PDB file of N, CA and C in Angstrom:
ATOM      1  N   UNK A   1      24.962 -42.497 185.103  1.00  0.00           N
ATOM      2  CA  UNK A   1      23.863 -41.668 185.559  1.00  0.00           C
ATOM      3  C   UNK A   1      22.571 -42.434 185.296  1.00  0.00           C
ATOM      4  N   UNK A   2      21.773 -42.595 186.308  1.00  0.00           N
ATOM      5  CA  UNK A   2      20.530 -43.350 186.219  1.00  0.00           C
ATOM      6  C   UNK A   2      19.359 -42.381 186.202  1.00  0.00           C
ATOM      7  N   UNK A   3      18.561 -42.434 185.146  1.00  0.00           N
ATOM      8  CA  UNK A   3      17.427 -41.508 185.013  1.00  0.00           C
ATOM      9  C   UNK A   3      16.140 -42.273 184.771  1.00  0.00           C
ATOM     10  N   UNK A   4      15.139 -41.951 185.543  1.00  0.00           N
ATOM     11  CA  UNK A   4      13.799 -42.458 185.312  1.00  0.00           C
ATOM     12  C   UNK A   4      13.076 -41.490 184.377  1.00  0.00           C
ATOM     13  N   UNK A   5      12.031 -41.937 183.685  1.00  0.00           N
ATOM     14  CA  UNK A   5      11.287 -41.012 182.820  1.00  0.00           C
ATOM     15  C   UNK A   5      10.722 -39.808 183.566  1.00  0.00           C
ATOM     16  N   UNK A   6      10.500 -39.945 184.861  1.00  0.00           N
ATOM     17  CA  UNK A   6       9.937 -38.837 185.639  1.00  0.00           C
ATOM     18  C   UNK A   6      11.006 -37.875 186.164  1.00  0.00           C
ATOM     19  N   UNK A   7      12.266 -38.141 185.891  1.00  0.00           N
ATOM     20  CA  UNK A   7      13.353 -37.274 186.362  1.00  0.00           C
ATOM     21  C   UNK A   7      13.257 -35.901 185.706  1.00  0.00           C
ATOM     22  N   UNK A   8      13.398 -34.869 186.500  1.00  0.00           N
ATOM     23  CA  UNK A   8      13.367 -33.502 185.972  1.00  0.00           C
ATOM     24  C   UNK A   8      14.791 -33.051 185.665  1.00  0.00           C
ATOM     25  N   UNK A   9      14.942 -32.447 184.505  1.00  0.00           N
ATOM     26  CA  UNK A   9      16.253 -31.949 184.069  1.00  0.00           C
ATOM     27  C   UNK A   9      16.125 -30.452 183.827  1.00  0.00           C
ATOM     28  N   UNK A  10      17.033 -29.680 184.404  1.00  0.00           N
ATOM     29  CA  UNK A  10      17.029 -28.223 184.235  1.00  0.00           C
ATOM     30  C   UNK A  10      18.342 -27.809 183.582  1.00  0.00           C
ATOM     31  N   UNK A  11      18.243 -27.157 182.425  1.00  0.00           N
ATOM     32  CA  UNK A  11      19.417 -26.626 181.756  1.00  0.00           C
ATOM     33  C   UNK A  11      19.639 -25.194 182.227  1.00  0.00           C
ATOM     34  N   UNK A  12      20.845 -24.904 182.683  1.00  0.00           N
ATOM     35  CA  UNK A  12      21.202 -23.532 183.035  1.00  0.00           C
ATOM     36  C   UNK A  12      21.613 -22.838 181.743  1.00  0.00           C
ATOM     37  N   UNK A  13      20.844 -21.844 181.349  1.00  0.00           N
ATOM     38  CA  UNK A  13      21.113 -21.164 180.081  1.00  0.00           C
ATOM     39  C   UNK A  13      22.395 -20.342 180.173  1.00  0.00           C
ATOM     40  N   UNK A  14      22.957 -20.057 179.033  1.00  0.00           N
ATOM     41  CA  UNK A  14      24.222 -19.336 178.991  1.00  0.00           C
ATOM     42  C   UNK A  14      25.363 -20.296 179.263  1.00  0.00           C
ATOM     43  N   UNK A  15      26.500 -19.738 179.607  1.00  0.00           N
ATOM     44  CA  UNK A  15      27.661 -20.595 179.855  1.00  0.00           C
ATOM     45  C   UNK A  15      28.051 -20.524 181.325  1.00  0.00           C
ATOM     46  N   UNK A  16      28.697 -21.583 181.776  1.00  0.00           N
ATOM     47  CA  UNK A  16      29.182 -21.656 183.151  1.00  0.00           C
ATOM     48  C   UNK A  16      30.687 -21.889 183.127  1.00  0.00           C
ATOM     49  N   UNK A  17      31.337 -21.482 184.173  1.00  0.00           N
ATOM     50  CA  UNK A  17      32.771 -21.702 184.323  1.00  0.00           C
ATOM     51  C   UNK A  17      32.977 -23.177 184.673  1.00  0.00           C
ATOM     52  N   UNK A  18      33.597 -23.937 183.786  1.00  0.00           N
ATOM     53  CA  UNK A  18      33.764 -25.372 183.998  1.00  0.00           C
ATOM     54  C   UNK A  18      34.843 -25.699 185.022  1.00  0.00           C
ATOM     55  N   UNK A  19      35.513 -24.671 185.568  1.00  0.00           N
ATOM     56  CA  UNK A  19      36.431 -24.926 186.677  1.00  0.00           C
ATOM     57  C   UNK A  19      35.657 -25.147 187.972  1.00  0.00           C
ATOM     58  N   UNK A  20      34.371 -24.766 187.970  1.00  0.00           N
ATOM     59  CA  UNK A  20      33.540 -24.974 189.153  1.00  0.00           C
ATOM     60  C   UNK A  20      33.271 -26.463 189.336  1.00  0.00           C
ATOM     61  N   UNK A  21      33.270 -26.867 190.577  1.00  0.00           N
ATOM     62  CA  UNK A  21      32.968 -28.251 190.906  1.00  0.00           C
ATOM     63  C   UNK A  21      31.647 -28.289 191.669  1.00  0.00           C
ATOM     64  N   UNK A  22      31.477 -29.247 192.532  1.00  0.00           N
ATOM     65  CA  UNK A  22      30.200 -29.456 193.219  1.00  0.00           C
ATOM     66  C   UNK A  22      29.752 -28.220 193.997  1.00  0.00           C
ATOM     67  N   UNK A  23      30.621 -27.665 194.813  1.00  0.00           N
ATOM     68  CA  UNK A  23      30.233 -26.512 195.638  1.00  0.00           C
ATOM     69  C   UNK A  23      29.847 -25.314 194.783  1.00  0.00           C
ATOM     70  N   UNK A  24      30.678 -24.985 193.800  1.00  0.00           N
ATOM     71  CA  UNK A  24      30.398 -23.830 192.947  1.00  0.00           C
ATOM     72  C   UNK A  24      29.132 -23.989 192.128  1.00  0.00           C
ATOM     73  N   UNK A  25      28.909 -25.185 191.589  1.00  0.00           N
ATOM     74  CA  UNK A  25      27.709 -25.414 190.785  1.00  0.00           C
ATOM     75  C   UNK A  25      26.454 -25.433 191.643  1.00  0.00           C
ATOM     76  N   UNK A  26      26.550 -25.972 192.864  1.00  0.00           N
ATOM     77  CA  UNK A  26      25.365 -25.971 193.739  1.00  0.00           C
ATOM     78  C   UNK A  26      24.998 -24.539 194.138  1.00  0.00           C
ATOM     79  N   UNK A  27      25.991 -23.675 194.273  1.00  0.00           N
ATOM     80  CA  UNK A  27      25.706 -22.260 194.550  1.00  0.00           C
ATOM     81  C   UNK A  27      25.028 -21.613 193.348  1.00  0.00           C
ATOM     82  N   UNK A  28      25.464 -21.967 192.122  1.00  0.00           N
ATOM     83  CA  UNK A  28      24.801 -21.456 190.922  1.00  0.00           C
ATOM     84  C   UNK A  28      23.345 -21.883 190.864  1.00  0.00           C
ATOM     85  N   UNK A  29      23.068 -23.123 191.264  1.00  0.00           N
ATOM     86  CA  UNK A  29      21.686 -23.611 191.278  1.00  0.00           C
ATOM     87  C   UNK A  29      20.848 -22.756 192.215  1.00  0.00           C
ATOM     88  N   UNK A  30      21.380 -22.466 193.402  1.00  0.00           N
ATOM     89  CA  UNK A  30      20.643 -21.664 194.386  1.00  0.00           C
ATOM     90  C   UNK A  30      20.505 -20.202 193.963  1.00  0.00           C
ATOM     91  N   UNK A  31      21.610 -19.587 193.581  1.00  0.00           N
ATOM     92  CA  UNK A  31      21.616 -18.138 193.329  1.00  0.00           C
ATOM     93  C   UNK A  31      21.088 -17.774 191.943  1.00  0.00           C
ATOM     94  N   UNK A  32      21.577 -18.437 190.906  1.00  0.00           N
ATOM     95  CA  UNK A  32      21.204 -18.054 189.544  1.00  0.00           C
ATOM     96  C   UNK A  32      19.880 -18.668 189.098  1.00  0.00           C
ATOM     97  N   UNK A  33      19.685 -19.952 189.435  1.00  0.00           N
ATOM     98  CA  UNK A  33      18.457 -20.628 189.004  1.00  0.00           C
ATOM     99  C   UNK A  33      17.336 -20.523 190.026  1.00  0.00           C
ATOM    100  N   UNK A  34      17.685 -20.116 191.248  1.00  0.00           N
ATOM    101  CA  UNK A  34      16.702 -19.979 192.335  1.00  0.00           C
ATOM    102  C   UNK A  34      15.974 -21.309 192.597  1.00  0.00           C
ATOM    103  N   UNK A  35      16.747 -22.390 192.635  1.00  0.00           N
ATOM    104  CA  UNK A  35      16.207 -23.724 192.889  1.00  0.00           C
ATOM    105  C   UNK A  35      16.991 -24.386 194.016  1.00  0.00           C
ATOM    106  N   UNK A  36      16.444 -25.473 194.528  1.00  0.00           N
ATOM    107  CA  UNK A  36      17.055 -26.215 195.624  1.00  0.00           C
ATOM    108  C   UNK A  36      17.950 -27.315 195.044  1.00  0.00           C
ATOM    109  N   UNK A  37      19.273 -27.257 195.254  1.00  0.00           N
ATOM    110  CA  UNK A  37      20.147 -28.284 194.691  1.00  0.00           C
ATOM    111  C   UNK A  37      19.978 -29.660 195.346  1.00  0.00           C
ATOM    112  N   UNK A  38      19.308 -29.726 196.495  1.00  0.00           N
ATOM    113  CA  UNK A  38      19.106 -30.988 197.198  1.00  0.00           C
ATOM    114  C   UNK A  38      17.825 -31.718 196.790  1.00  0.00           C
ATOM    115  N   UNK A  39      17.109 -31.215 195.781  1.00  0.00           N
ATOM    116  CA  UNK A  39      15.799 -31.760 195.421  1.00  0.00           C
ATOM    117  C   UNK A  39      15.876 -33.062 194.624  1.00  0.00           C
ATOM    118  N   UNK A  40      17.044 -33.423 194.115  1.00  0.00           N
ATOM    119  CA  UNK A  40      17.169 -34.657 193.343  1.00  0.00           C
ATOM    120  C   UNK A  40      17.039 -34.470 191.847  1.00  0.00           C
ATOM    121  N   UNK A  41      16.729 -33.260 191.401  1.00  0.00           N
ATOM    122  CA  UNK A  41      16.658 -32.988 189.961  1.00  0.00           C
ATOM    123  C   UNK A  41      18.066 -32.910 189.384  1.00  0.00           C
ATOM    124  N   UNK A  42      18.161 -33.045 188.078  1.00  0.00           N
ATOM    125  CA  UNK A  42      19.433 -32.898 187.388  1.00  0.00           C
ATOM    126  C   UNK A  42      19.583 -31.454 186.932  1.00  0.00           C
ATOM    127  N   UNK A  43      20.752 -30.869 187.173  1.00  0.00           N
ATOM    128  CA  UNK A  43      21.048 -29.504 186.756  1.00  0.00           C
ATOM    129  C   UNK A  43      22.236 -29.552 185.803  1.00  0.00           C
ATOM    130  N   UNK A  44      22.020 -29.132 184.556  1.00  0.00           N
ATOM    131  CA  UNK A  44      23.046 -29.231 183.521  1.00  0.00           C
ATOM    132  C   UNK A  44      23.622 -27.858 183.198  1.00  0.00           C
ATOM    133  N   UNK A  45      24.936 -27.823 183.037  1.00  0.00           N
ATOM    134  CA  UNK A  45      25.675 -26.602 182.733  1.00  0.00           C
ATOM    135  C   UNK A  45      26.573 -26.855 181.529  1.00  0.00           C
ATOM    136  N   UNK A  46      26.770 -25.816 180.720  1.00  0.00           N
ATOM    137  CA  UNK A  46      27.581 -25.931 179.516  1.00  0.00           C
ATOM    138  C   UNK A  46      28.646 -24.832 179.530  1.00  0.00           C
ATOM    139  N   UNK A  47      29.786 -25.099 178.886  1.00  0.00           N
ATOM    140  CA  UNK A  47      30.829 -24.080 178.810  1.00  0.00           C
ATOM    141  C   UNK A  47      30.622 -23.174 177.598  1.00  0.00           C
ATOM    142  N   UNK A  48      31.456 -22.151 177.485  1.00  0.00           N
ATOM    143  CA  UNK A  48      31.332 -21.163 176.410  1.00  0.00           C
ATOM    144  C   UNK A  48      31.550 -21.785 175.028  1.00  0.00           C
ATOM    145  N   UNK A  49      32.482 -22.735 174.920  1.00  0.00           N
ATOM    146  CA  UNK A  49      32.768 -23.386 173.630  1.00  0.00           C
ATOM    147  C   UNK A  49      31.690 -24.387 173.223  1.00  0.00           C
ATOM    148  N   UNK A  50      30.823 -24.733 174.163  1.00  0.00           N
ATOM    149  CA  UNK A  50      29.751 -25.723 173.959  1.00  0.00           C
ATOM    150  C   UNK A  50      30.299 -27.109 173.596  1.00  0.00           C
ATOM    151  N   UNK A  51      31.432 -27.441 174.190  1.00  0.00           N
ATOM    152  CA  UNK A  51      31.971 -28.782 173.982  1.00  0.00           C
ATOM    153  C   UNK A  51      32.051 -29.578 175.286  1.00  0.00           C
ATOM    154  N   UNK A  52      31.533 -28.998 176.379  1.00  0.00           N
ATOM    155  CA  UNK A  52      31.545 -29.686 177.664  1.00  0.00           C
ATOM    156  C   UNK A  52      30.239 -29.442 178.401  1.00  0.00           C
ATOM    157  N   UNK A  53      29.757 -30.487 179.052  1.00  0.00           N
ATOM    158  CA  UNK A  53      28.549 -30.393 179.863  1.00  0.00           C
ATOM    159  C   UNK A  53      28.847 -31.029 181.219  1.00  0.00           C
ATOM    160  N   UNK A  54      28.354 -30.386 182.271  1.00  0.00           N
ATOM    161  CA  UNK A  54      28.416 -30.950 183.624  1.00  0.00           C
ATOM    162  C   UNK A  54      26.996 -31.046 184.147  1.00  0.00           C
ATOM    163  N   UNK A  55      26.702 -32.165 184.792  1.00  0.00           N
ATOM    164  CA  UNK A  55      25.375 -32.391 185.364  1.00  0.00           C
ATOM    165  C   UNK A  55      25.537 -32.683 186.855  1.00  0.00           C
ATOM    166  N   UNK A  56      24.870 -31.866 187.655  1.00  0.00           N
ATOM    167  CA  UNK A  56      24.928 -31.982 189.109  1.00  0.00           C
ATOM    168  C   UNK A  56      23.588 -32.494 189.617  1.00  0.00           C
ATOM    169  N   UNK A  57      23.633 -33.422 190.574  1.00  0.00           N
ATOM    170  CA  UNK A  57      22.398 -33.875 191.210  1.00  0.00           C
ATOM    171  C   UNK A  57      22.695 -34.448 192.593  1.00  0.00           C
ATOM    172  N   UNK A  58      21.689 -34.411 193.443  1.00  0.00           N
ATOM    173  CA  UNK A  58      21.765 -34.938 194.808  1.00  0.00           C
ATOM    174  C   UNK A  58      21.247 -36.363 194.787  1.00  0.00           C
ATOM    175  N   UNK A  59      22.024 -37.286 195.356  1.00  0.00           N
ATOM    176  CA  UNK A  59      21.635 -38.696 195.378  1.00  0.00           C
ATOM    177  C   UNK A  59      21.623 -39.210 196.815  1.00  0.00           C
ATOM    178  N   UNK A  60      20.506 -39.082 197.473  1.00  0.00           N
ATOM    179  CA  UNK A  60      20.228 -39.553 198.832  1.00  0.00           C
ATOM    180  C   UNK A  60      21.164 -39.025 199.909  1.00  0.00           C
ATOM    181  N   UNK A  61      22.480 -39.201 199.768  1.00  0.00           N
ATOM    182  CA  UNK A  61      23.375 -38.789 200.841  1.00  0.00           C
ATOM    183  C   UNK A  61      24.611 -38.034 200.343  1.00  0.00           C
ATOM    184  N   UNK A  62      24.556 -37.543 199.124  1.00  0.00           N
ATOM    185  CA  UNK A  62      25.679 -36.768 198.612  1.00  0.00           C
ATOM    186  C   UNK A  62      25.443 -36.305 197.189  1.00  0.00           C
ATOM    187  N   UNK A  63      26.229 -35.320 196.778  1.00  0.00           N
ATOM    188  CA  UNK A  63      26.129 -34.807 195.417  1.00  0.00           C
ATOM    189  C   UNK A  63      26.890 -35.711 194.457  1.00  0.00           C
ATOM    190  N   UNK A  64      26.397 -35.777 193.243  1.00  0.00           N
ATOM    191  CA  UNK A  64      27.078 -36.455 192.149  1.00  0.00           C
ATOM    192  C   UNK A  64      27.316 -35.426 191.056  1.00  0.00           C
ATOM    193  N   UNK A  65      28.462 -35.514 190.420  1.00  0.00           N
ATOM    194  CA  UNK A  65      28.804 -34.607 189.329  1.00  0.00           C
ATOM    195  C   UNK A  65      29.239 -35.447 188.147  1.00  0.00           C
ATOM    196  N   UNK A  66      28.521 -35.300 187.056  1.00  0.00           N
ATOM    197  CA  UNK A  66      28.772 -36.050 185.840  1.00  0.00           C
ATOM    198  C   UNK A  66      29.280 -35.065 184.797  1.00  0.00           C
ATOM    199  N   UNK A  67      30.310 -35.464 184.047  1.00  0.00           N
ATOM    200  CA  UNK A  67      30.912 -34.554 183.075  1.00  0.00           C
ATOM    201  C   UNK A  67      31.138 -35.279 181.747  1.00  0.00           C
ATOM    202  N   UNK A  68      30.907 -34.566 180.654  1.00  0.00           N
ATOM    203  CA  UNK A  68      31.212 -35.084 179.325  1.00  0.00           C
ATOM    204  C   UNK A  68      31.864 -33.966 178.522  1.00  0.00           C
ATOM    205  N   UNK A  69      33.007 -34.299 177.886  1.00  0.00           N
ATOM    206  CA  UNK A  69      33.690 -33.351 177.012  1.00  0.00           C
ATOM    207  C   UNK A  69      33.740 -33.944 175.613  1.00  0.00           C
ATOM    208  N   UNK A  70      33.243 -33.198 174.654  1.00  0.00           N
ATOM    209  CA  UNK A  70      33.281 -33.636 173.272  1.00  0.00           C
ATOM    210  C   UNK A  70      34.674 -33.376 172.704  1.00  0.00           C
ATOM    211  N   UNK A  71      35.243 -34.350 172.046  1.00  0.00           N
ATOM    212  CA  UNK A  71      36.550 -34.178 171.423  1.00  0.00           C
ATOM    213  C   UNK A  71      36.427 -33.518 170.062  1.00  0.00           C
ATOM    214  N   UNK A  72      35.229 -33.617 169.475  1.00  0.00           N
ATOM    215  CA  UNK A  72      34.978 -32.998 168.178  1.00  0.00           C
ATOM    216  C   UNK A  72      33.518 -32.584 168.135  1.00  0.00           C
ATOM    217  N   UNK A  73      33.241 -31.420 167.598  1.00  0.00           N
ATOM    218  CA  UNK A  73      31.861 -30.958 167.493  1.00  0.00           C
ATOM    219  C   UNK A  73      31.435 -30.139 168.698  1.00  0.00           C
ATOM    220  N   UNK A  74      30.168 -29.752 168.678  1.00  0.00           N
ATOM    221  CA  UNK A  74      29.592 -28.917 169.739  1.00  0.00           C
ATOM    222  C   UNK A  74      28.237 -29.452 170.155  1.00  0.00           C
ATOM    223  N   UNK A  75      27.869 -29.127 171.388  1.00  0.00           N
ATOM    224  CA  UNK A  75      26.535 -29.438 171.886  1.00  0.00           C
ATOM    225  C   UNK A  75      25.547 -28.448 171.288  1.00  0.00           C
ATOM    226  N   UNK A  76      24.343 -28.881 171.026  1.00  0.00           N
ATOM    227  CA  UNK A  76      23.291 -27.996 170.531  1.00  0.00           C
ATOM    228  C   UNK A  76      22.585 -27.365 171.733  1.00  0.00           C
ATOM    229  N   UNK A  77      23.336 -26.546 172.463  1.00  0.00           N
ATOM    230  CA  UNK A  77      22.811 -25.893 173.664  1.00  0.00           C
ATOM    231  C   UNK A  77      21.872 -24.775 173.238  1.00  0.00           C
ATOM    232  N   UNK A  78      20.653 -24.731 173.762  1.00  0.00           N
ATOM    233  CA  UNK A  78      19.701 -23.697 173.322  1.00  0.00           C
ATOM    234  C   UNK A  78      20.138 -22.290 173.706  1.00  0.00           C
ATOM    235  N   UNK A  79      19.894 -21.369 172.802  1.00  0.00           N
ATOM    236  CA  UNK A  79      20.179 -19.956 173.063  1.00  0.00           C
ATOM    237  C   UNK A  79      18.871 -19.282 173.438  1.00  0.00           C
ATOM    238  N   UNK A  80      18.753 -18.891 174.689  1.00  0.00           N
ATOM    239  CA  UNK A  80      17.541 -18.254 175.185  1.00  0.00           C
ATOM    240  C   UNK A  80      17.899 -17.287 176.303  1.00  0.00           C
ATOM    241  N   UNK A  81      17.036 -16.351 176.546  1.00  0.00           N
ATOM    242  CA  UNK A  81      17.277 -15.370 177.604  1.00  0.00           C
ATOM    243  C   UNK A  81      16.805 -15.872 178.967  1.00  0.00           C
ATOM    244  N   UNK A  82      16.160 -17.021 179.008  1.00  0.00           N
ATOM    245  CA  UNK A  82      15.655 -17.570 180.268  1.00  0.00           C
ATOM    246  C   UNK A  82      16.817 -17.949 181.183  1.00  0.00           C
ATOM    247  N   UNK A  83      16.529 -18.022 182.479  1.00  0.00           N
ATOM    248  CA  UNK A  83      17.527 -18.472 183.447  1.00  0.00           C
ATOM    249  C   UNK A  83      17.771 -19.978 183.299  1.00  0.00           C
ATOM    250  N   UNK A  84      16.676 -20.721 183.154  1.00  0.00           N
ATOM    251  CA  UNK A  84      16.779 -22.172 183.036  1.00  0.00           C
ATOM    252  C   UNK A  84      15.682 -22.684 182.106  1.00  0.00           C
ATOM    253  N   UNK A  85      15.910 -23.832 181.557  1.00  0.00           N
ATOM    254  CA  UNK A  85      14.912 -24.479 180.712  1.00  0.00           C
ATOM    255  C   UNK A  85      14.740 -25.909 181.189  1.00  0.00           C
ATOM    256  N   UNK A  86      13.506 -26.291 181.392  1.00  0.00           N
ATOM    257  CA  UNK A  86      13.230 -27.650 181.846  1.00  0.00           C
ATOM    258  C   UNK A  86      13.032 -28.547 180.631  1.00  0.00           C
ATOM    259  N   UNK A  87      13.716 -29.686 180.643  1.00  0.00           N
ATOM    260  CA  UNK A  87      13.576 -30.677 179.578  1.00  0.00           C
ATOM    261  C   UNK A  87      13.341 -32.038 180.218  1.00  0.00           C
ATOM    262  N   UNK A  88      13.029 -33.034 179.407  1.00  0.00           N
ATOM    263  CA  UNK A  88      12.867 -34.381 179.952  1.00  0.00           C
ATOM    264  C   UNK A  88      14.117 -35.203 179.638  1.00  0.00           C
ATOM    265  N   UNK A  89      14.193 -36.408 180.187  1.00  0.00           N
ATOM    266  CA  UNK A  89      15.396 -37.230 180.018  1.00  0.00           C
ATOM    267  C   UNK A  89      15.603 -37.642 178.564  1.00  0.00           C
ATOM    268  N   UNK A  90      14.539 -37.757 177.801  1.00  0.00           N
ATOM    269  CA  UNK A  90      14.658 -38.083 176.386  1.00  0.00           C
ATOM    270  C   UNK A  90      15.387 -36.954 175.656  1.00  0.00           C
ATOM    271  N   UNK A  91      15.019 -35.712 175.961  1.00  0.00           N
ATOM    272  CA  UNK A  91      15.691 -34.570 175.347  1.00  0.00           C
ATOM    273  C   UNK A  91      17.142 -34.453 175.811  1.00  0.00           C
ATOM    274  N   UNK A  92      17.419 -34.827 177.067  1.00  0.00           N
ATOM    275  CA  UNK A  92      18.796 -34.834 177.547  1.00  0.00           C
ATOM    276  C   UNK A  92      19.623 -35.845 176.749  1.00  0.00           C
ATOM    277  N   UNK A  93      19.051 -37.005 176.502  1.00  0.00           N
ATOM    278  CA  UNK A  93      19.750 -38.014 175.686  1.00  0.00           C
ATOM    279  C   UNK A  93      20.018 -37.478 174.284  1.00  0.00           C
ATOM    280  N   UNK A  94      19.042 -36.794 173.707  1.00  0.00           N
ATOM    281  CA  UNK A  94      19.239 -36.181 172.392  1.00  0.00           C
ATOM    282  C   UNK A  94      20.391 -35.192 172.436  1.00  0.00           C
ATOM    283  N   UNK A  95      20.403 -34.339 173.456  1.00  0.00           N
ATOM    284  CA  UNK A  95      21.443 -33.334 173.598  1.00  0.00           C
ATOM    285  C   UNK A  95      22.825 -33.989 173.683  1.00  0.00           C
ATOM    286  N   UNK A  96      22.935 -35.033 174.506  1.00  0.00           N
ATOM    287  CA  UNK A  96      24.210 -35.729 174.672  1.00  0.00           C
ATOM    288  C   UNK A  96      24.635 -36.476 173.410  1.00  0.00           C
ATOM    289  N   UNK A  97      23.670 -36.839 172.564  1.00  0.00           N
ATOM    290  CA  UNK A  97      23.965 -37.524 171.302  1.00  0.00           C
ATOM    291  C   UNK A  97      24.214 -36.560 170.147  1.00  0.00           C
ATOM    292  N   UNK A  98      24.171 -35.258 170.429  1.00  0.00           N
ATOM    293  CA  UNK A  98      24.457 -34.266 169.399  1.00  0.00           C
ATOM    294  C   UNK A  98      23.260 -33.818 168.595  1.00  0.00           C
ATOM    295  N   UNK A  99      22.073 -34.087 169.087  1.00  0.00           N
ATOM    296  CA  UNK A  99      20.857 -33.696 168.379  1.00  0.00           C
ATOM    297  C   UNK A  99      20.261 -32.434 168.988  1.00  0.00           C
ATOM    298  N   UNK A 100      19.362 -31.821 168.251  1.00  0.00           N
ATOM    299  CA  UNK A 100      18.631 -30.653 168.757  1.00  0.00           C
ATOM    300  C   UNK A 100      17.650 -31.105 169.840  1.00  0.00           C
ATOM    301  N   UNK A 101      17.354 -30.216 170.776  1.00  0.00           N
ATOM    302  CA  UNK A 101      16.385 -30.542 171.830  1.00  0.00           C
ATOM    303  C   UNK A 101      14.975 -30.704 171.284  1.00  0.00           C
ATOM    304  N   UNK A 102      14.619 -29.879 170.337  1.00  0.00           N
ATOM    305  CA  UNK A 102      13.280 -29.934 169.768  1.00  0.00           C
ATOM    306  C   UNK A 102      13.360 -30.627 168.412  1.00  0.00           C
ATOM    307  N   UNK A 103      12.918 -31.862 168.380  1.00  0.00           N
ATOM    308  CA  UNK A 103      12.941 -32.651 167.159  1.00  0.00           C
ATOM    309  C   UNK A 103      11.599 -32.502 166.457  1.00  0.00           C
ATOM    310  N   UNK A 104      11.535 -31.748 165.347  1.00  0.00           N
ATOM    311  CA  UNK A 104      10.248 -31.504 164.695  1.00  0.00           C
ATOM    312  C   UNK A 104       9.612 -32.767 164.124  1.00  0.00           C
ATOM    313  N   UNK A 105      10.415 -33.781 163.822  1.00  0.00           N
ATOM    314  CA  UNK A 105       9.857 -34.995 163.236  1.00  0.00           C
ATOM    315  C   UNK A 105       9.618 -36.094 164.267  1.00  0.00           C
ATOM    316  N   UNK A 106       9.891 -35.824 165.518  1.00  0.00           N
ATOM    317  CA  UNK A 106       9.651 -36.821 166.559  1.00  0.00           C
ATOM    318  C   UNK A 106       8.154 -36.956 166.802  1.00  0.00           C
ATOM    319  N   UNK A 107       7.755 -38.109 167.278  1.00  0.00           N
ATOM    320  CA  UNK A 107       6.346 -38.310 167.608  1.00  0.00           C
ATOM    321  C   UNK A 107       5.973 -37.409 168.780  1.00  0.00           C
ATOM    322  N   UNK A 108       4.855 -36.765 168.672  1.00  0.00           N
ATOM    323  CA  UNK A 108       4.372 -35.896 169.747  1.00  0.00           C
ATOM    324  C   UNK A 108       3.851 -36.761 170.892  1.00  0.00           C
ATOM    325  N   UNK A 109       4.014 -36.273 172.100  1.00  0.00           N
ATOM    326  CA  UNK A 109       3.538 -36.978 173.282  1.00  0.00           C
ATOM    327  C   UNK A 109       2.018 -36.884 173.342  1.00  0.00           C
ATOM    328  N   UNK A 110       1.383 -37.996 173.585  1.00  0.00           N
ATOM    329  CA  UNK A 110      -0.069 -38.036 173.717  1.00  0.00           C
ATOM    330  C   UNK A 110      -0.441 -38.303 175.161  1.00  0.00           C
ATOM    331  N   UNK A 111      -1.436 -37.605 175.637  1.00  0.00           N
ATOM    332  CA  UNK A 111      -1.926 -37.814 177.000  1.00  0.00           C
ATOM    333  C   UNK A 111      -3.410 -38.197 176.912  1.00  0.00           C
ATOM    334  N   UNK A 112      -3.729 -39.320 177.471  1.00  0.00           N
ATOM    335  CA  UNK A 112      -5.094 -39.786 177.488  1.00  0.00           C
ATOM    336  C   UNK A 112      -5.607 -39.805 178.905  1.00  0.00           C
ATOM    337  N   UNK A 113      -6.886 -39.617 179.068  1.00  0.00           N
ATOM    338  CA  UNK A 113      -7.506 -39.735 180.373  1.00  0.00           C
ATOM    339  C   UNK A 113      -8.827 -40.470 180.218  1.00  0.00           C
ATOM    340  N   UNK A 114      -9.192 -41.125 181.285  1.00  0.00           N
ATOM    341  CA  UNK A 114     -10.461 -41.849 181.299  1.00  0.00           C
ATOM    342  C   UNK A 114     -11.535 -40.899 181.794  1.00  0.00           C
ATOM    343  N   UNK A 115     -12.559 -40.728 180.997  1.00  0.00           N
ATOM    344  CA  UNK A 115     -13.644 -39.837 181.392  1.00  0.00           C
ATOM    345  C   UNK A 115     -14.558 -40.538 182.362  1.00  0.00           C
ATOM    346  N   UNK A 116     -14.986 -39.831 183.360  1.00  0.00           N
ATOM    347  CA  UNK A 116     -15.870 -40.422 184.377  1.00  0.00           C
ATOM    348  C   UNK A 116     -17.316 -40.380 183.932  1.00  0.00           C
TER     349      UNK A 116
END
């Protein structure tokens, strides 16, 4: 999976049926998340046990489906009532490495602008 820093990642909150493949997950993106599955963003889904993640995205001329199953341990999937949560690729890497999405000791992002 190739991700640029500007890639948008959307986590589908709650659990998803991991028997779903490309068609079923793209319908979830449209119906549950109310987003366009053809936009090129990454859409991540987790199972009830929190040991599997599937990531769906559109790549120019077709869908790609990426899957990871943990043999030991669980994903730190956020518990929230929201439909979806937007994260950046750095947070996705943290999630896949078994870390929390919000790292309190991580360096905060700084934004600078040139004043006119």
